[in-house]
Amino acid sequence: MDRGRLGDVVVGAAGDVAGSVVDPKAGLGRLRSALTARGVVTLTVGALLGFLAARSMRRS
């Protein structure tokens, strides 16, 4: 993925989250439609790696 495109995705996701505060039903629908299998896997792997890194730092 191109870094410029990644920034667009992050800004779009932040806008969807902010929109969900104003109109929860429409905002969650947009957020749900924006999720892809690749995005969910990437987010899950990132969260897992972050958890493992924090856990190893805590043990030291």
PDB file of N, CA and C in Angstrom:
ATOM      1  N   MET A   1       0.842  -1.173   0.000  1.00  0.00           N
ATOM      2  CA  MET A   1       0.000   0.000   0.000  1.00  0.00           C
ATOM      3  C   MET A   1       0.892   1.241   0.000  1.00  0.00           C
ATOM      4  N   ASP A   2       0.521   2.198  -0.789  1.00  0.00           N
ATOM      5  CA  ASP A   2       1.261   3.450  -0.881  1.00  0.00           C
ATOM      6  C   ASP A   2       1.062   4.260   0.397  1.00  0.00           C
ATOM      7  N   ARG A   3       2.122   4.911   0.855  1.00  0.00           N
ATOM      8  CA  ARG A   3       2.016   5.687   2.110  1.00  0.00           C
ATOM      9  C   ARG A   3       1.006   6.824   2.001  1.00  0.00           C
ATOM     10  N   GLY A   4       0.884   7.439   0.840  1.00  0.00           N
ATOM     11  CA  GLY A   4      -0.110   8.495   0.660  1.00  0.00           C
ATOM     12  C   GLY A   4      -1.523   7.956   0.800  1.00  0.00           C
ATOM     13  N   ARG A   5      -1.737   6.779   0.279  1.00  0.00           N
ATOM     14  CA  ARG A   5      -3.049   6.132   0.372  1.00  0.00           C
ATOM     15  C   ARG A   5      -3.353   5.737   1.815  1.00  0.00           C
ATOM     16  N   LEU A   6      -2.327   5.315   2.546  1.00  0.00           N
ATOM     17  CA  LEU A   6      -2.518   4.948   3.942  1.00  0.00           C
ATOM     18  C   LEU A   6      -3.010   6.150   4.752  1.00  0.00           C
ATOM     19  N   GLY A   7      -2.446   7.311   4.491  1.00  0.00           N
ATOM     20  CA  GLY A   7      -2.904   8.525   5.174  1.00  0.00           C
ATOM     21  C   GLY A   7      -4.351   8.838   4.865  1.00  0.00           C
ATOM     22  N   ASP A   8      -4.763   8.639   3.606  1.00  0.00           N
ATOM     23  CA  ASP A   8      -6.155   8.856   3.224  1.00  0.00           C
ATOM     24  C   ASP A   8      -7.080   7.895   3.952  1.00  0.00           C
ATOM     25  N   VAL A   9      -6.650   6.657   4.093  1.00  0.00           N
ATOM     26  CA  VAL A   9      -7.460   5.661   4.786  1.00  0.00           C
ATOM     27  C   VAL A   9      -7.611   6.027   6.264  1.00  0.00           C
ATOM     28  N   VAL A  10      -6.515   6.463   6.879  1.00  0.00           N
ATOM     29  CA  VAL A  10      -6.559   6.831   8.304  1.00  0.00           C
ATOM     30  C   VAL A  10      -7.478   8.032   8.523  1.00  0.00           C
ATOM     31  N   VAL A  11      -7.360   9.030   7.658  1.00  0.00           N
ATOM     32  CA  VAL A  11      -8.213  10.217   7.791  1.00  0.00           C
ATOM     33  C   VAL A  11      -9.673   9.851   7.551  1.00  0.00           C
ATOM     34  N   GLY A  12      -9.922   8.994   6.568  1.00  0.00           N
ATOM     35  CA  GLY A  12     -11.292   8.559   6.304  1.00  0.00           C
ATOM     36  C   GLY A  12     -11.882   7.798   7.467  1.00  0.00           C
ATOM     37  N   ALA A  13     -11.087   6.925   8.067  1.00  0.00           N
ATOM     38  CA  ALA A  13     -11.566   6.160   9.228  1.00  0.00           C
ATOM     39  C   ALA A  13     -11.834   7.075  10.415  1.00  0.00           C
ATOM     40  N   ALA A  14     -10.971   8.066  10.613  1.00  0.00           N
ATOM     41  CA  ALA A  14     -11.188   9.023  11.706  1.00  0.00           C
ATOM     42  C   ALA A  14     -12.461   9.820  11.470  1.00  0.00           C
ATOM     43  N   GLY A  15     -12.723  10.173  10.229  1.00  0.00           N
ATOM     44  CA  GLY A  15     -13.957  10.885   9.898  1.00  0.00           C
ATOM     45  C   GLY A  15     -15.182  10.022  10.138  1.00  0.00           C
ATOM     46  N   ASP A  16     -15.084   8.747   9.810  1.00  0.00           N
ATOM     47  CA  ASP A  16     -16.204   7.834  10.053  1.00  0.00           C
ATOM     48  C   ASP A  16     -16.471   7.679  11.541  1.00  0.00           C
ATOM     49  N   VAL A  17     -15.413   7.613  12.332  1.00  0.00           N
ATOM     50  CA  VAL A  17     -15.585   7.506  13.783  1.00  0.00           C
ATOM     51  C   VAL A  17     -16.214   8.779  14.340  1.00  0.00           C
ATOM     52  N   ALA A  18     -15.752   9.925  13.870  1.00  0.00           N
ATOM     53  CA  ALA A  18     -16.337  11.195  14.327  1.00  0.00           C
ATOM     54  C   ALA A  18     -17.792  11.300  13.896  1.00  0.00           C
ATOM     55  N   GLY A  19     -18.099  10.826  12.697  1.00  0.00           N
ATOM     56  CA  GLY A  19     -19.485  10.839  12.230  1.00  0.00           C
ATOM     57  C   GLY A  19     -20.367   9.920  13.037  1.00  0.00           C
ATOM     58  N   SER A  20     -19.803   8.846  13.544  1.00  0.00           N
ATOM     59  CA  SER A  20     -20.602   7.917  14.342  1.00  0.00           C
ATOM     60  C   SER A  20     -20.999   8.524  15.684  1.00  0.00           C
ATOM     61  N   VAL A  21     -20.254   9.516  16.138  1.00  0.00           N
ATOM     62  CA  VAL A  21     -20.621  10.206  17.382  1.00  0.00           C
ATOM     63  C   VAL A  21     -21.860  11.060  17.147  1.00  0.00           C
ATOM     64  N   VAL A  22     -21.910  11.718  15.973  1.00  0.00           N
ATOM     65  CA  VAL A  22     -23.039  12.592  15.656  1.00  0.00           C
ATOM     66  C   VAL A  22     -24.270  11.776  15.270  1.00  0.00           C
ATOM     67  N   ASP A  23     -24.101  10.791  14.385  1.00  0.00           N
ATOM     68  CA  ASP A  23     -25.205   9.947  13.931  1.00  0.00           C
ATOM     69  C   ASP A  23     -24.760   8.492  14.020  1.00  0.00           C
ATOM     70  N   PRO A  24     -24.986   7.859  15.166  1.00  0.00           N
ATOM     71  CA  PRO A  24     -24.440   6.522  15.393  1.00  0.00           C
ATOM     72  C   PRO A  24     -24.858   5.485  14.350  1.00  0.00           C
ATOM     73  N   LYS A  25     -26.104   5.488  13.926  1.00  0.00           N
ATOM     74  CA  LYS A  25     -26.563   4.466  12.996  1.00  0.00           C
ATOM     75  C   LYS A  25     -25.874   4.599  11.640  1.00  0.00           C
ATOM     76  N   ALA A  26     -25.823   5.790  11.091  1.00  0.00           N
ATOM     77  CA  ALA A  26     -25.183   6.005   9.784  1.00  0.00           C
ATOM     78  C   ALA A  26     -23.667   5.849   9.889  1.00  0.00           C
ATOM     79  N   GLY A  27     -23.079   6.340  10.959  1.00  0.00           N
ATOM     80  CA  GLY A  27     -21.630   6.252  11.131  1.00  0.00           C
ATOM     81  C   GLY A  27     -21.146   4.818  11.248  1.00  0.00           C
ATOM     82  N   LEU A  28     -21.853   4.007  12.022  1.00  0.00           N
ATOM     83  CA  LEU A  28     -21.464   2.610  12.160  1.00  0.00           C
ATOM     84  C   LEU A  28     -21.674   1.840  10.861  1.00  0.00           C
ATOM     85  N   GLY A  29     -22.675   2.208  10.091  1.00  0.00           N
ATOM     86  CA  GLY A  29     -22.891   1.577   8.791  1.00  0.00           C
ATOM     87  C   GLY A  29     -21.745   1.865   7.839  1.00  0.00           C
ATOM     88  N   ARG A  30     -21.283   3.116   7.823  1.00  0.00           N
ATOM     89  CA  ARG A  30     -20.137   3.481   6.977  1.00  0.00           C
ATOM     90  C   ARG A  30     -18.869   2.795   7.445  1.00  0.00           C
ATOM     91  N   LEU A  31     -18.680   2.735   8.737  1.00  0.00           N
ATOM     92  CA  LEU A  31     -17.484   2.086   9.283  1.00  0.00           C
ATOM     93  C   LEU A  31     -17.491   0.591   8.978  1.00  0.00           C
ATOM     94  N   ARG A  32     -18.638  -0.033   9.101  1.00  0.00           N
ATOM     95  CA  ARG A  32     -18.756  -1.455   8.813  1.00  0.00           C
ATOM     96  C   ARG A  32     -18.497  -1.741   7.339  1.00  0.00           C
ATOM     97  N   SER A  33     -18.970  -0.866   6.454  1.00  0.00           N
ATOM     98  CA  SER A  33     -18.758  -1.078   5.023  1.00  0.00           C
ATOM     99  C   SER A  33     -17.313  -0.819   4.624  1.00  0.00           C
ATOM    100  N   ALA A  34     -16.596  -0.017   5.401  1.00  0.00           N
ATOM    101  CA  ALA A  34     -15.201   0.297   5.081  1.00  0.00           C
ATOM    102  C   ALA A  34     -14.253  -0.823   5.502  1.00  0.00           C
ATOM    103  N   LEU A  35     -14.688  -1.678   6.410  1.00  0.00           N
ATOM    104  CA  LEU A  35     -13.833  -2.764   6.876  1.00  0.00           C
ATOM    105  C   LEU A  35     -13.712  -3.839   5.806  1.00  0.00           C
ATOM    106  N   THR A  36     -12.492  -4.250   5.572  1.00  0.00           N
ATOM    107  CA  THR A  36     -12.238  -5.345   4.647  1.00  0.00           C
ATOM    108  C   THR A  36     -11.537  -6.462   5.406  1.00  0.00           C
ATOM    109  N   ALA A  37     -11.492  -7.618   4.810  1.00  0.00           N
ATOM    110  CA  ALA A  37     -10.825  -8.747   5.473  1.00  0.00           C
ATOM    111  C   ALA A  37      -9.350  -8.435   5.684  1.00  0.00           C
ATOM    112  N   ARG A  38      -8.724  -7.810   4.697  1.00  0.00           N
ATOM    113  CA  ARG A  38      -7.308  -7.456   4.818  1.00  0.00           C
ATOM    114  C   ARG A  38      -7.090  -6.443   5.935  1.00  0.00           C
ATOM    115  N   GLY A  39      -7.986  -5.478   6.054  1.00  0.00           N
ATOM    116  CA  GLY A  39      -7.872  -4.477   7.115  1.00  0.00           C
ATOM    117  C   GLY A  39      -8.046  -5.079   8.495  1.00  0.00           C
ATOM    118  N   VAL A  40      -8.987  -6.006   8.623  1.00  0.00           N
ATOM    119  CA  VAL A  40      -9.222  -6.652   9.916  1.00  0.00           C
ATOM    120  C   VAL A  40      -8.008  -7.486  10.312  1.00  0.00           C
ATOM    121  N   VAL A  41      -7.442  -8.219   9.350  1.00  0.00           N
ATOM    122  CA  VAL A  41      -6.252  -9.031   9.634  1.00  0.00           C
ATOM    123  C   VAL A  41      -5.086  -8.139  10.023  1.00  0.00           C
ATOM    124  N   THR A  42      -4.895  -7.034   9.296  1.00  0.00           N
ATOM    125  CA  THR A  42      -3.807  -6.101   9.604  1.00  0.00           C
ATOM    126  C   THR A  42      -3.979  -5.511  10.997  1.00  0.00           C
ATOM    127  N   LEU A  43      -5.183  -5.109  11.326  1.00  0.00           N
ATOM    128  CA  LEU A  43      -5.456  -4.542  12.644  1.00  0.00           C
ATOM    129  C   LEU A  43      -5.230  -5.571  13.744  1.00  0.00           C
ATOM    130  N   THR A  44      -5.660  -6.803  13.519  1.00  0.00           N
ATOM    131  CA  THR A  44      -5.482  -7.861  14.511  1.00  0.00           C
ATOM    132  C   THR A  44      -4.008  -8.178  14.737  1.00  0.00           C
ATOM    133  N   VAL A  45      -3.263  -8.297  13.642  1.00  0.00           N
ATOM    134  CA  VAL A  45      -1.826  -8.581  13.764  1.00  0.00           C
ATOM    135  C   VAL A  45      -1.115  -7.429  14.465  1.00  0.00           C
ATOM    136  N   GLY A  46      -1.467  -6.200  14.133  1.00  0.00           N
ATOM    137  CA  GLY A  46      -0.858  -5.042  14.784  1.00  0.00           C
ATOM    138  C   GLY A  46      -1.152  -5.003  16.276  1.00  0.00           C
ATOM    139  N   ALA A  47      -2.394  -5.304  16.633  1.00  0.00           N
ATOM    140  CA  ALA A  47      -2.752  -5.324  18.054  1.00  0.00           C
ATOM    141  C   ALA A  47      -2.007  -6.432  18.792  1.00  0.00           C
ATOM    142  N   LEU A  48      -1.884  -7.591  18.152  1.00  0.00           N
ATOM    143  CA  LEU A  48      -1.160  -8.700  18.768  1.00  0.00           C
ATOM    144  C   LEU A  48       0.315  -8.370  18.959  1.00  0.00           C
ATOM    145  N   LEU A  49       0.933  -7.793  17.945  1.00  0.00           N
ATOM    146  CA  LEU A  49       2.347  -7.413  18.065  1.00  0.00           C
ATOM    147  C   LEU A  49       2.539  -6.335  19.136  1.00  0.00           C
ATOM    148  N   GLY A  50       1.637  -5.382  19.199  1.00  0.00           N
ATOM    149  CA  GLY A  50       1.717  -4.356  20.234  1.00  0.00           C
ATOM    150  C   GLY A  50       1.576  -4.945  21.629  1.00  0.00           C
ATOM    151  N   PHE A  51       0.656  -5.883  21.771  1.00  0.00           N
ATOM    152  CA  PHE A  51       0.469  -6.554  23.056  1.00  0.00           C
ATOM    153  C   PHE A  51       1.731  -7.307  23.467  1.00  0.00           C
ATOM    154  N   LEU A  52       2.305  -8.063  22.520  1.00  0.00           N
ATOM    155  CA  LEU A  52       3.508  -8.828  22.837  1.00  0.00           C
ATOM    156  C   LEU A  52       4.688  -7.921  23.164  1.00  0.00           C
ATOM    157  N   ALA A  53       4.820  -6.805  22.446  1.00  0.00           N
ATOM    158  CA  ALA A  53       5.897  -5.861  22.734  1.00  0.00           C
ATOM    159  C   ALA A  53       5.729  -5.242  24.115  1.00  0.00           C
ATOM    160  N   ALA A  54       4.503  -4.847  24.451  1.00  0.00           N
ATOM    161  CA  ALA A  54       4.249  -4.254  25.774  1.00  0.00           C
ATOM    162  C   ALA A  54       4.477  -5.278  26.878  1.00  0.00           C
ATOM    163  N   ARG A  55       4.088  -6.512  26.620  1.00  0.00           N
ATOM    164  CA  ARG A  55       4.278  -7.566  27.614  1.00  0.00           C
ATOM    165  C   ARG A  55       5.758  -7.852  27.868  1.00  0.00           C
ATOM    166  N   SER A  56       6.545  -7.869  26.786  1.00  0.00           N
ATOM    167  CA  SER A  56       7.977  -8.135  26.965  1.00  0.00           C
ATOM    168  C   SER A  56       8.669  -6.967  27.661  1.00  0.00           C
ATOM    169  N   MET A  57       8.234  -5.749  27.419  1.00  0.00           N
ATOM    170  CA  MET A  57       8.817  -4.582  28.077  1.00  0.00           C
ATOM    171  C   MET A  57       8.452  -4.578  29.562  1.00  0.00           C
ATOM    172  N   ARG A  58       7.263  -5.055  29.888  1.00  0.00           N
ATOM    173  CA  ARG A  58       6.813  -5.079  31.270  1.00  0.00           C
ATOM    174  C   ARG A  58       7.606  -6.095  32.095  1.00  0.00           C
ATOM    175  N   ARG A  59       7.974  -7.218  31.489  1.00  0.00           N
ATOM    176  CA  ARG A  59       8.716  -8.263  32.197  1.00  0.00           C
ATOM    177  C   ARG A  59      10.148  -7.851  32.496  1.00  0.00           C
ATOM    178  N   SER A  60      10.689  -6.952  31.711  1.00  0.00           N
ATOM    179  CA  SER A  60      12.099  -6.558  31.889  1.00  0.00           C
ATOM    180  C   SER A  60      12.309  -5.735  33.133  1.00  0.00           C
TER     181      SER A  60
END
